[in-house]
Amino acid sequence: MSDRLQQLLFDPAVGQLVTAVLAVVVVFAVVKLLQRSLGHRFSDPDTRYRIRKLVTFIGYLVAVFVVANVYSDRLSGLTVTFGVAGTGMAFALEEVLASIAGWIALSFGGFYRTGQRVQVGGIKGDVIDIGVLRTYLMEVGQWVDGDLYNGRIVRVANSFVLKEPVFNYSADFPFLWDELRLPLAYTSDREQARAIILSCVQEVIGDYPAESRAAWKSMVGKYRLEDATVDPMVTLIGDENWLTFTARYIVDYRRRRFT
C-alpha cells in the first residue's frame, strides 16, 4: 500500500493536477481580495461594477494561462482529440455557444449595459448584471402597475439578443413620450379646457423638454430621424359621446409612472 502511495505521490500527472488546482485557487483568492479592496475605493456603483467585472475577467484569463502552462507538454498530443470532441460539443452545447456569442455581441455591439432599462426575451427590467451566459434583470411591471419593480430578478439567456428584438429605454435617448386622455362633454369650453390641460402638463413635466432637446438633437445627428417636437401638445378628437383631449408630453423613462 505504501509503495502505491509513493508511486501516486511522485506521479507527474498527479503533480501537474495539484499544481494546477493550487494555482487556480490562488488566482481566485487574489481576485476576491482585489474585488473587495478596490470596491471600497469607488463610490459610483457603475464604476465599482465595471472594476469588479474587469478583475474577474482578468482572473479567468490568468487561470486559463496557468493551467495551459502546466499542461503545455500534453496539449500538443491532444489537439486532434480536442478537435473531434469539439465538433460533438458544438451540437450538444448549441444554446450555450449561442449565449457566449450573445455575450460577445453585448460586449462590443452596444445593445445595452448595466443600469439601463430594456425589454429582452419578453421580459422588461433594469439590467443589473451581464454574465457570459445570462443577463440579470430586476423586473418591472407584470402584476405591478406601471414601470415599478416587482421584486423578481430574471435571468435571460444572452442568446436572445441574436434571436429577438431588444428594446432599450435608456440608451441614446433616456426619455419617453407618454399620453394622458381626458374625455369631456360636448358642452365644455374647448379652448379653456385645452389651455388648462396644457398648463397643467407644463407645470408637472418641468424641464424635461429642455433636457430632452439636446439628447434628441444628438439622436438626429447619429440616426436617420426627423426633428421631432419634444414640447407638450394637446390634441382633440370627438366621437358620438365625448370630446377626448389627449395630452402628449415627454418624460424621463424612470419617472413615467409618477408623472
C-alpha atoms as a PDB file:
ATOM      1  CA  MET A   1       0.000   0.000   0.000  1.00  0.00           C
ATOM      2  CA  SER A   2       2.850   2.372   0.878  1.00  0.00           C
ATOM      3  CA  ASP A   3       4.514   1.623  -2.468  1.00  0.00           C
ATOM      4  CA  ARG A   4       1.319   2.543  -4.341  1.00  0.00           C
ATOM      5  CA  LEU A   5       1.018   5.714  -2.290  1.00  0.00           C
ATOM      6  CA  GLN A   6       4.604   6.677  -3.079  1.00  0.00           C
ATOM      7  CA  GLN A   7       4.040   5.988  -6.779  1.00  0.00           C
ATOM      8  CA  LEU A   8       0.914   8.121  -6.665  1.00  0.00           C
ATOM      9  CA  LEU A   9       2.648  10.979  -4.875  1.00  0.00           C
ATOM     10  CA  PHE A  10       5.549  11.021  -7.304  1.00  0.00           C
ATOM     11  CA  ASP A  11       3.379  10.549 -10.397  1.00  0.00           C
ATOM     12  CA  PRO A  12       3.988  13.557 -12.751  1.00  0.00           C
ATOM     13  CA  ALA A  13       0.292  13.646 -13.712  1.00  0.00           C
ATOM     14  CA  VAL A  14      -0.744  13.995 -10.068  1.00  0.00           C
ATOM     15  CA  GLY A  15       1.859  16.697  -9.539  1.00  0.00           C
ATOM     16  CA  GLN A  16       0.549  18.642 -12.510  1.00  0.00           C
ATOM     17  CA  LEU A  17      -3.037  18.310 -11.295  1.00  0.00           C
ATOM     18  CA  VAL A  18      -2.155  19.505  -7.785  1.00  0.00           C
ATOM     19  CA  THR A  19      -0.125  22.392  -9.179  1.00  0.00           C
ATOM     20  CA  ALA A  20      -2.952  23.454 -11.474  1.00  0.00           C
ATOM     21  CA  VAL A  21      -5.584  23.275  -8.695  1.00  0.00           C
ATOM     22  CA  LEU A  22      -3.430  25.233  -6.244  1.00  0.00           C
ATOM     23  CA  ALA A  23      -2.612  27.859  -8.858  1.00  0.00           C
ATOM     24  CA  VAL A  24      -6.302  28.332  -9.739  1.00  0.00           C
ATOM     25  CA  VAL A  25      -7.223  28.602  -6.042  1.00  0.00           C
ATOM     26  CA  VAL A  26      -4.537  31.245  -5.512  1.00  0.00           C
ATOM     27  CA  VAL A  27      -5.651  33.204  -8.580  1.00  0.00           C
ATOM     28  CA  PHE A  28      -9.298  33.322  -7.487  1.00  0.00           C
ATOM     29  CA  ALA A  29      -8.309  34.175  -3.905  1.00  0.00           C
ATOM     30  CA  VAL A  30      -6.361  37.157  -5.253  1.00  0.00           C
ATOM     31  CA  VAL A  31      -9.343  38.096  -7.455  1.00  0.00           C
ATOM     32  CA  LYS A  32     -11.701  38.113  -4.442  1.00  0.00           C
ATOM     33  CA  LEU A  33      -9.215  40.167  -2.434  1.00  0.00           C
ATOM     34  CA  LEU A  34      -8.824  42.714  -5.222  1.00  0.00           C
ATOM     35  CA  GLN A  35     -12.595  42.969  -5.713  1.00  0.00           C
ATOM     36  CA  ARG A  36     -13.110  43.776  -2.032  1.00  0.00           C
ATOM     37  CA  SER A  37     -10.224  46.226  -1.740  1.00  0.00           C
ATOM     38  CA  LEU A  38     -10.979  48.071  -4.985  1.00  0.00           C
ATOM     39  CA  GLY A  39     -14.735  48.067  -4.382  1.00  0.00           C
ATOM     40  CA  HIS A  40     -14.357  50.277  -1.306  1.00  0.00           C
ATOM     41  CA  ARG A  41     -12.373  52.877  -3.242  1.00  0.00           C
ATOM     42  CA  PHE A  42     -15.136  53.764  -5.708  1.00  0.00           C
ATOM     43  CA  SER A  43     -18.419  55.303  -4.589  1.00  0.00           C
ATOM     44  CA  ASP A  44     -20.024  55.239  -8.039  1.00  0.00           C
ATOM     45  CA  PRO A  45     -21.945  51.936  -8.425  1.00  0.00           C
ATOM     46  CA  ASP A  46     -21.353  51.760 -12.187  1.00  0.00           C
ATOM     47  CA  THR A  47     -17.578  52.235 -11.820  1.00  0.00           C
ATOM     48  CA  ARG A  48     -17.448  49.741  -8.959  1.00  0.00           C
ATOM     49  CA  TYR A  49     -19.334  47.178 -11.049  1.00  0.00           C
ATOM     50  CA  ARG A  50     -17.035  47.614 -14.055  1.00  0.00           C
ATOM     51  CA  ILE A  51     -13.910  47.286 -11.920  1.00  0.00           C
ATOM     52  CA  ARG A  52     -15.247  44.092 -10.345  1.00  0.00           C
ATOM     53  CA  LYS A  53     -16.086  42.572 -13.732  1.00  0.00           C
ATOM     54  CA  LEU A  54     -12.704  43.573 -15.159  1.00  0.00           C
ATOM     55  CA  VAL A  55     -10.844  41.964 -12.265  1.00  0.00           C
ATOM     56  CA  THR A  56     -12.939  38.792 -12.662  1.00  0.00           C
ATOM     57  CA  PHE A  57     -12.249  38.634 -16.397  1.00  0.00           C
ATOM     58  CA  ILE A  58      -8.502  39.094 -15.876  1.00  0.00           C
ATOM     59  CA  GLY A  59      -8.628  36.354 -13.220  1.00  0.00           C
ATOM     60  CA  TYR A  60     -10.201  33.934 -15.692  1.00  0.00           C
ATOM     61  CA  LEU A  61      -7.530  34.723 -18.277  1.00  0.00           C
ATOM     62  CA  VAL A  62      -4.730  34.204 -15.766  1.00  0.00           C
ATOM     63  CA  ALA A  63      -6.258  30.915 -14.582  1.00  0.00           C
ATOM     64  CA  VAL A  64      -6.523  29.612 -18.162  1.00  0.00           C
ATOM     65  CA  PHE A  65      -2.951  30.700 -18.885  1.00  0.00           C
ATOM     66  CA  VAL A  66      -1.636  28.966 -15.748  1.00  0.00           C
ATOM     67  CA  VAL A  67      -3.458  25.698 -16.474  1.00  0.00           C
ATOM     68  CA  ALA A  68      -2.311  25.774 -20.106  1.00  0.00           C
ATOM     69  CA  ASN A  69       1.265  26.378 -18.974  1.00  0.00           C
ATOM     70  CA  VAL A  70       1.145  23.460 -16.512  1.00  0.00           C
ATOM     71  CA  TYR A  71      -0.155  21.077 -19.166  1.00  0.00           C
ATOM     72  CA  SER A  72       1.795  22.540 -22.085  1.00  0.00           C
ATOM     73  CA  ASP A  73       3.659  19.287 -22.662  1.00  0.00           C
ATOM     74  CA  ARG A  74       0.371  17.399 -23.093  1.00  0.00           C
ATOM     75  CA  LEU A  75      -1.588  19.870 -25.183  1.00  0.00           C
ATOM     76  CA  SER A  76       0.227  19.118 -28.430  1.00  0.00           C
ATOM     77  CA  GLY A  77      -0.810  15.479 -28.294  1.00  0.00           C
ATOM     78  CA  LEU A  78      -4.413  16.345 -27.519  1.00  0.00           C
ATOM     79  CA  THR A  79      -5.016  18.632 -30.490  1.00  0.00           C
ATOM     80  CA  VAL A  80      -6.738  16.014 -32.643  1.00  0.00           C
ATOM     81  CA  THR A  81      -8.762  14.740 -29.698  1.00  0.00           C
ATOM     82  CA  PHE A  82      -9.953  18.234 -28.866  1.00  0.00           C
ATOM     83  CA  GLY A  83     -10.910  18.805 -32.496  1.00  0.00           C
ATOM     84  CA  VAL A  84     -13.098  15.697 -32.652  1.00  0.00           C
ATOM     85  CA  ALA A  85     -14.604  16.345 -29.241  1.00  0.00           C
ATOM     86  CA  GLY A  86     -15.247  19.981 -30.113  1.00  0.00           C
ATOM     87  CA  THR A  87     -17.367  19.009 -33.107  1.00  0.00           C
ATOM     88  CA  GLY A  88     -19.641  16.908 -30.920  1.00  0.00           C
ATOM     89  CA  MET A  89     -19.788  19.529 -28.198  1.00  0.00           C
ATOM     90  CA  ALA A  90     -20.804  22.188 -30.723  1.00  0.00           C
ATOM     91  CA  PHE A  91     -24.031  20.271 -31.366  1.00  0.00           C
ATOM     92  CA  ALA A  92     -24.640  19.345 -27.726  1.00  0.00           C
ATOM     93  CA  LEU A  93     -23.938  22.834 -26.400  1.00  0.00           C
ATOM     94  CA  GLU A  94     -25.552  24.861 -29.158  1.00  0.00           C
ATOM     95  CA  GLU A  95     -27.533  27.087 -26.769  1.00  0.00           C
ATOM     96  CA  VAL A  96     -24.509  27.653 -24.547  1.00  0.00           C
ATOM     97  CA  LEU A  97     -22.362  28.669 -27.528  1.00  0.00           C
ATOM     98  CA  ALA A  98     -25.152  30.946 -28.759  1.00  0.00           C
ATOM     99  CA  SER A  99     -25.256  32.624 -25.335  1.00  0.00           C
ATOM    100  CA  ILE A 100     -21.487  33.136 -25.411  1.00  0.00           C
ATOM    101  CA  ALA A 101     -21.825  34.644 -28.896  1.00  0.00           C
ATOM    102  CA  GLY A 102     -24.584  36.873 -27.499  1.00  0.00           C
ATOM    103  CA  TRP A 103     -22.267  37.971 -24.683  1.00  0.00           C
ATOM    104  CA  ILE A 104     -19.605  38.921 -27.236  1.00  0.00           C
ATOM    105  CA  ALA A 105     -22.243  40.868 -29.175  1.00  0.00           C
ATOM    106  CA  LEU A 106     -23.295  42.627 -25.963  1.00  0.00           C
ATOM    107  CA  SER A 107     -19.693  43.476 -25.115  1.00  0.00           C
ATOM    108  CA  PHE A 108     -18.976  45.139 -28.455  1.00  0.00           C
ATOM    109  CA  GLY A 109     -22.354  45.781 -30.097  1.00  0.00           C
ATOM    110  CA  GLY A 110     -23.812  48.336 -27.699  1.00  0.00           C
ATOM    111  CA  PHE A 111     -27.172  46.575 -27.272  1.00  0.00           C
ATOM    112  CA  TYR A 112     -27.339  47.562 -23.607  1.00  0.00           C
ATOM    113  CA  ARG A 113     -25.218  47.852 -20.486  1.00  0.00           C
ATOM    114  CA  THR A 114     -25.782  47.646 -16.760  1.00  0.00           C
ATOM    115  CA  GLY A 115     -28.093  50.292 -15.324  1.00  0.00           C
ATOM    116  CA  GLN A 116     -30.202  50.612 -18.475  1.00  0.00           C
ATOM    117  CA  ARG A 117     -33.844  49.606 -18.777  1.00  0.00           C
ATOM    118  CA  VAL A 118     -34.522  47.079 -21.541  1.00  0.00           C
ATOM    119  CA  GLN A 119     -37.024  44.547 -22.759  1.00  0.00           C
ATOM    120  CA  VAL A 120     -35.434  41.327 -23.988  1.00  0.00           C
ATOM    121  CA  GLY A 121     -36.923  37.871 -24.352  1.00  0.00           C
ATOM    122  CA  GLY A 122     -40.337  39.288 -23.451  1.00  0.00           C
ATOM    123  CA  ILE A 123     -39.030  40.477 -20.050  1.00  0.00           C
ATOM    124  CA  LYS A 124     -38.769  44.153 -19.121  1.00  0.00           C
ATOM    125  CA  GLY A 125     -36.490  45.424 -16.386  1.00  0.00           C
ATOM    126  CA  ASP A 126     -33.276  47.163 -15.386  1.00  0.00           C
ATOM    127  CA  VAL A 127     -30.004  45.405 -16.258  1.00  0.00           C
ATOM    128  CA  ILE A 128     -28.155  44.645 -13.015  1.00  0.00           C
ATOM    129  CA  ASP A 129     -25.522  42.223 -14.324  1.00  0.00           C
ATOM    130  CA  ILE A 130     -24.270  40.810 -17.636  1.00  0.00           C
ATOM    131  CA  GLY A 131     -22.666  37.389 -17.380  1.00  0.00           C
ATOM    132  CA  VAL A 132     -21.079  35.217 -20.031  1.00  0.00           C
ATOM    133  CA  LEU A 133     -24.255  33.147 -20.428  1.00  0.00           C
ATOM    134  CA  ARG A 134     -27.047  35.260 -18.930  1.00  0.00           C
ATOM    135  CA  THR A 135     -28.220  38.804 -18.359  1.00  0.00           C
ATOM    136  CA  TYR A 136     -29.757  39.553 -14.965  1.00  0.00           C
ATOM    137  CA  LEU A 137     -32.747  41.906 -14.884  1.00  0.00           C
ATOM    138  CA  MET A 138     -34.606  43.494 -11.981  1.00  0.00           C
ATOM    139  CA  GLU A 139     -38.075  43.044 -13.455  1.00  0.00           C
ATOM    140  CA  VAL A 140     -40.681  45.790 -13.703  1.00  0.00           C
ATOM    141  CA  GLY A 141     -44.387  45.507 -14.386  1.00  0.00           C
ATOM    142  CA  GLN A 142     -46.305  42.206 -14.561  1.00  0.00           C
ATOM    143  CA  TRP A 143     -48.742  42.246 -11.608  1.00  0.00           C
ATOM    144  CA  VAL A 144     -47.425  45.690 -10.555  1.00  0.00           C
ATOM    145  CA  ASP A 145     -48.950  48.585 -12.475  1.00  0.00           C
ATOM    146  CA  GLY A 146     -46.628  50.989 -14.208  1.00  0.00           C
ATOM    147  CA  ASP A 147     -42.870  50.858 -14.593  1.00  0.00           C
ATOM    148  CA  LEU A 148     -42.172  49.829 -10.988  1.00  0.00           C
ATOM    149  CA  TYR A 149     -40.071  46.969  -9.630  1.00  0.00           C
ATOM    150  CA  ASN A 150     -41.987  43.842  -8.691  1.00  0.00           C
ATOM    151  CA  GLY A 151     -39.079  42.283  -6.767  1.00  0.00           C
ATOM    152  CA  ARG A 152     -38.173  39.454  -9.153  1.00  0.00           C
ATOM    153  CA  ILE A 153     -34.684  39.012 -10.590  1.00  0.00           C
ATOM    154  CA  VAL A 154     -34.931  37.390 -14.016  1.00  0.00           C
ATOM    155  CA  ARG A 155     -32.088  35.575 -15.762  1.00  0.00           C
ATOM    156  CA  VAL A 156     -32.329  35.865 -19.542  1.00  0.00           C
ATOM    157  CA  ALA A 157     -30.043  33.876 -21.848  1.00  0.00           C
ATOM    158  CA  ASN A 158     -27.730  36.130 -23.859  1.00  0.00           C
ATOM    159  CA  SER A 159     -28.659  34.181 -26.985  1.00  0.00           C
ATOM    160  CA  PHE A 160     -31.926  36.162 -27.090  1.00  0.00           C
ATOM    161  CA  VAL A 161     -30.101  39.249 -28.386  1.00  0.00           C
ATOM    162  CA  LEU A 162     -29.313  37.287 -31.572  1.00  0.00           C
ATOM    163  CA  LYS A 163     -32.846  35.943 -31.997  1.00  0.00           C
ATOM    164  CA  GLU A 164     -35.351  38.547 -30.812  1.00  0.00           C
ATOM    165  CA  PRO A 165     -35.747  42.339 -30.784  1.00  0.00           C
ATOM    166  CA  VAL A 166     -34.042  44.188 -27.934  1.00  0.00           C
ATOM    167  CA  PHE A 167     -35.921  47.263 -26.670  1.00  0.00           C
ATOM    168  CA  ASN A 168     -33.694  49.769 -24.886  1.00  0.00           C
ATOM    169  CA  TYR A 169     -35.494  52.501 -22.955  1.00  0.00           C
ATOM    170  CA  SER A 170     -32.438  54.458 -21.912  1.00  0.00           C
ATOM    171  CA  ALA A 171     -29.533  54.110 -24.343  1.00  0.00           C
ATOM    172  CA  ASP A 172     -29.095  57.159 -26.587  1.00  0.00           C
ATOM    173  CA  PHE A 173     -32.370  58.840 -25.596  1.00  0.00           C
ATOM    174  CA  PRO A 174     -33.361  58.291 -21.940  1.00  0.00           C
ATOM    175  CA  PHE A 175     -36.817  59.822 -22.379  1.00  0.00           C
ATOM    176  CA  LEU A 176     -40.240  58.522 -23.383  1.00  0.00           C
ATOM    177  CA  TRP A 177     -43.304  60.119 -24.854  1.00  0.00           C
ATOM    178  CA  ASP A 178     -46.447  59.435 -22.890  1.00  0.00           C
ATOM    179  CA  GLU A 179     -50.091  60.429 -23.303  1.00  0.00           C
ATOM    180  CA  LEU A 180     -52.971  61.215 -20.975  1.00  0.00           C
ATOM    181  CA  ARG A 181     -56.565  61.134 -22.292  1.00  0.00           C
ATOM    182  CA  LEU A 182     -59.359  63.169 -20.771  1.00  0.00           C
ATOM    183  CA  PRO A 183     -62.983  62.826 -22.039  1.00  0.00           C
ATOM    184  CA  LEU A 184     -65.205  65.897 -21.655  1.00  0.00           C
ATOM    185  CA  ALA A 185     -68.812  66.646 -22.563  1.00  0.00           C
ATOM    186  CA  TYR A 186     -69.614  68.460 -25.790  1.00  0.00           C
ATOM    187  CA  THR A 187     -70.957  71.376 -23.754  1.00  0.00           C
ATOM    188  CA  SER A 188     -67.454  72.071 -22.362  1.00  0.00           C
ATOM    189  CA  ASP A 189     -65.447  75.131 -23.342  1.00  0.00           C
ATOM    190  CA  ARG A 190     -62.913  73.548 -25.699  1.00  0.00           C
ATOM    191  CA  GLU A 191     -60.384  76.363 -25.745  1.00  0.00           C
ATOM    192  CA  GLN A 192     -60.416  76.769 -21.979  1.00  0.00           C
ATOM    193  CA  ALA A 193     -60.115  73.002 -21.473  1.00  0.00           C
ATOM    194  CA  ARG A 194     -57.156  72.849 -23.846  1.00  0.00           C
ATOM    195  CA  ALA A 195     -55.432  75.750 -22.086  1.00  0.00           C
ATOM    196  CA  ILE A 196     -55.977  74.241 -18.624  1.00  0.00           C
ATOM    197  CA  ILE A 197     -54.658  70.820 -19.673  1.00  0.00           C
ATOM    198  CA  LEU A 198     -51.607  72.280 -21.409  1.00  0.00           C
ATOM    199  CA  SER A 199     -50.837  74.488 -18.410  1.00  0.00           C
ATOM    200  CA  CYS A 200     -51.050  71.539 -16.012  1.00  0.00           C
ATOM    201  CA  VAL A 201     -48.817  69.389 -18.196  1.00  0.00           C
ATOM    202  CA  GLN A 202     -46.188  72.123 -18.497  1.00  0.00           C
ATOM    203  CA  GLU A 203     -46.206  72.625 -14.743  1.00  0.00           C
ATOM    204  CA  VAL A 204     -45.772  68.925 -13.951  1.00  0.00           C
ATOM    205  CA  ILE A 205     -43.123  67.943 -16.501  1.00  0.00           C
ATOM    206  CA  GLY A 206     -40.946  70.960 -15.700  1.00  0.00           C
ATOM    207  CA  ASP A 207     -37.578  70.970 -17.506  1.00  0.00           C
ATOM    208  CA  TYR A 208     -37.931  67.632 -19.291  1.00  0.00           C
ATOM    209  CA  PRO A 209     -38.462  69.251 -22.745  1.00  0.00           C
ATOM    210  CA  ALA A 210     -35.305  71.351 -22.378  1.00  0.00           C
ATOM    211  CA  GLU A 211     -33.284  68.378 -21.091  1.00  0.00           C
ATOM    212  CA  SER A 212     -34.509  66.071 -23.845  1.00  0.00           C
ATOM    213  CA  ARG A 213     -33.988  68.535 -26.683  1.00  0.00           C
ATOM    214  CA  ALA A 214     -30.192  68.205 -26.641  1.00  0.00           C
ATOM    215  CA  ALA A 215     -30.430  64.399 -26.454  1.00  0.00           C
ATOM    216  CA  TRP A 216     -32.811  64.341 -29.418  1.00  0.00           C
ATOM    217  CA  LYS A 217     -30.523  66.555 -31.499  1.00  0.00           C
ATOM    218  CA  SER A 218     -27.719  64.095 -30.819  1.00  0.00           C
ATOM    219  CA  MET A 219     -30.004  61.282 -31.976  1.00  0.00           C
ATOM    220  CA  VAL A 220     -30.844  63.147 -35.188  1.00  0.00           C
ATOM    221  CA  GLY A 221     -27.144  63.538 -35.918  1.00  0.00           C
ATOM    222  CA  LYS A 222     -26.469  59.857 -35.290  1.00  0.00           C
ATOM    223  CA  TYR A 223     -29.507  58.218 -36.938  1.00  0.00           C
ATOM    224  CA  ARG A 224     -31.838  58.892 -39.839  1.00  0.00           C
ATOM    225  CA  LEU A 225     -34.531  60.666 -37.811  1.00  0.00           C
ATOM    226  CA  GLU A 226     -36.795  63.655 -38.224  1.00  0.00           C
ATOM    227  CA  ASP A 227     -36.517  66.532 -35.805  1.00  0.00           C
ATOM    228  CA  ALA A 228     -39.490  65.635 -33.597  1.00  0.00           C
ATOM    229  CA  THR A 229     -41.262  68.043 -31.249  1.00  0.00           C
ATOM    230  CA  VAL A 230     -40.431  67.482 -27.596  1.00  0.00           C
ATOM    231  CA  ASP A 231     -42.675  70.254 -26.286  1.00  0.00           C
ATOM    232  CA  PRO A 232     -46.027  69.159 -24.802  1.00  0.00           C
ATOM    233  CA  MET A 233     -49.101  69.348 -27.012  1.00  0.00           C
ATOM    234  CA  VAL A 234     -52.837  68.789 -26.638  1.00  0.00           C
ATOM    235  CA  THR A 235     -54.958  67.301 -29.422  1.00  0.00           C
ATOM    236  CA  LEU A 236     -58.715  66.809 -29.688  1.00  0.00           C
ATOM    237  CA  ILE A 237     -60.970  64.240 -31.309  1.00  0.00           C
ATOM    238  CA  GLY A 238     -64.696  63.741 -30.962  1.00  0.00           C
ATOM    239  CA  ASP A 239     -66.955  60.705 -31.119  1.00  0.00           C
ATOM    240  CA  GLU A 240     -70.643  60.128 -30.524  1.00  0.00           C
ATOM    241  CA  ASN A 241     -70.265  60.570 -26.759  1.00  0.00           C
ATOM    242  CA  TRP A 242     -67.285  62.702 -25.805  1.00  0.00           C
ATOM    243  CA  LEU A 243     -64.703  65.251 -26.718  1.00  0.00           C
ATOM    244  CA  THR A 244     -61.437  63.462 -25.956  1.00  0.00           C
ATOM    245  CA  PHE A 245     -58.429  65.627 -25.223  1.00  0.00           C
ATOM    246  CA  THR A 246     -55.047  63.903 -25.473  1.00  0.00           C
ATOM    247  CA  ALA A 247     -52.069  65.466 -23.725  1.00  0.00           C
ATOM    248  CA  ARG A 248     -48.775  64.292 -25.228  1.00  0.00           C
ATOM    249  CA  TYR A 249     -45.606  65.017 -23.264  1.00  0.00           C
ATOM    250  CA  ILE A 250     -42.056  63.787 -22.794  1.00  0.00           C
ATOM    251  CA  VAL A 251     -40.708  62.407 -19.526  1.00  0.00           C
ATOM    252  CA  ASP A 252     -37.699  60.611 -18.069  1.00  0.00           C
ATOM    253  CA  TYR A 253     -38.182  56.875 -18.562  1.00  0.00           C
ATOM    254  CA  ARG A 254     -37.808  56.283 -14.803  1.00  0.00           C
ATOM    255  CA  ARG A 255     -40.481  58.859 -13.899  1.00  0.00           C
ATOM    256  CA  ARG A 256     -43.269  57.912 -16.303  1.00  0.00           C
ATOM    257  CA  ARG A 257     -45.431  56.272 -13.640  1.00  0.00           C
ATOM    258  CA  PHE A 258     -45.053  59.131 -11.153  1.00  0.00           C
ATOM    259  CA  THR A 259     -45.639  61.799 -13.795  1.00  0.00           C
END
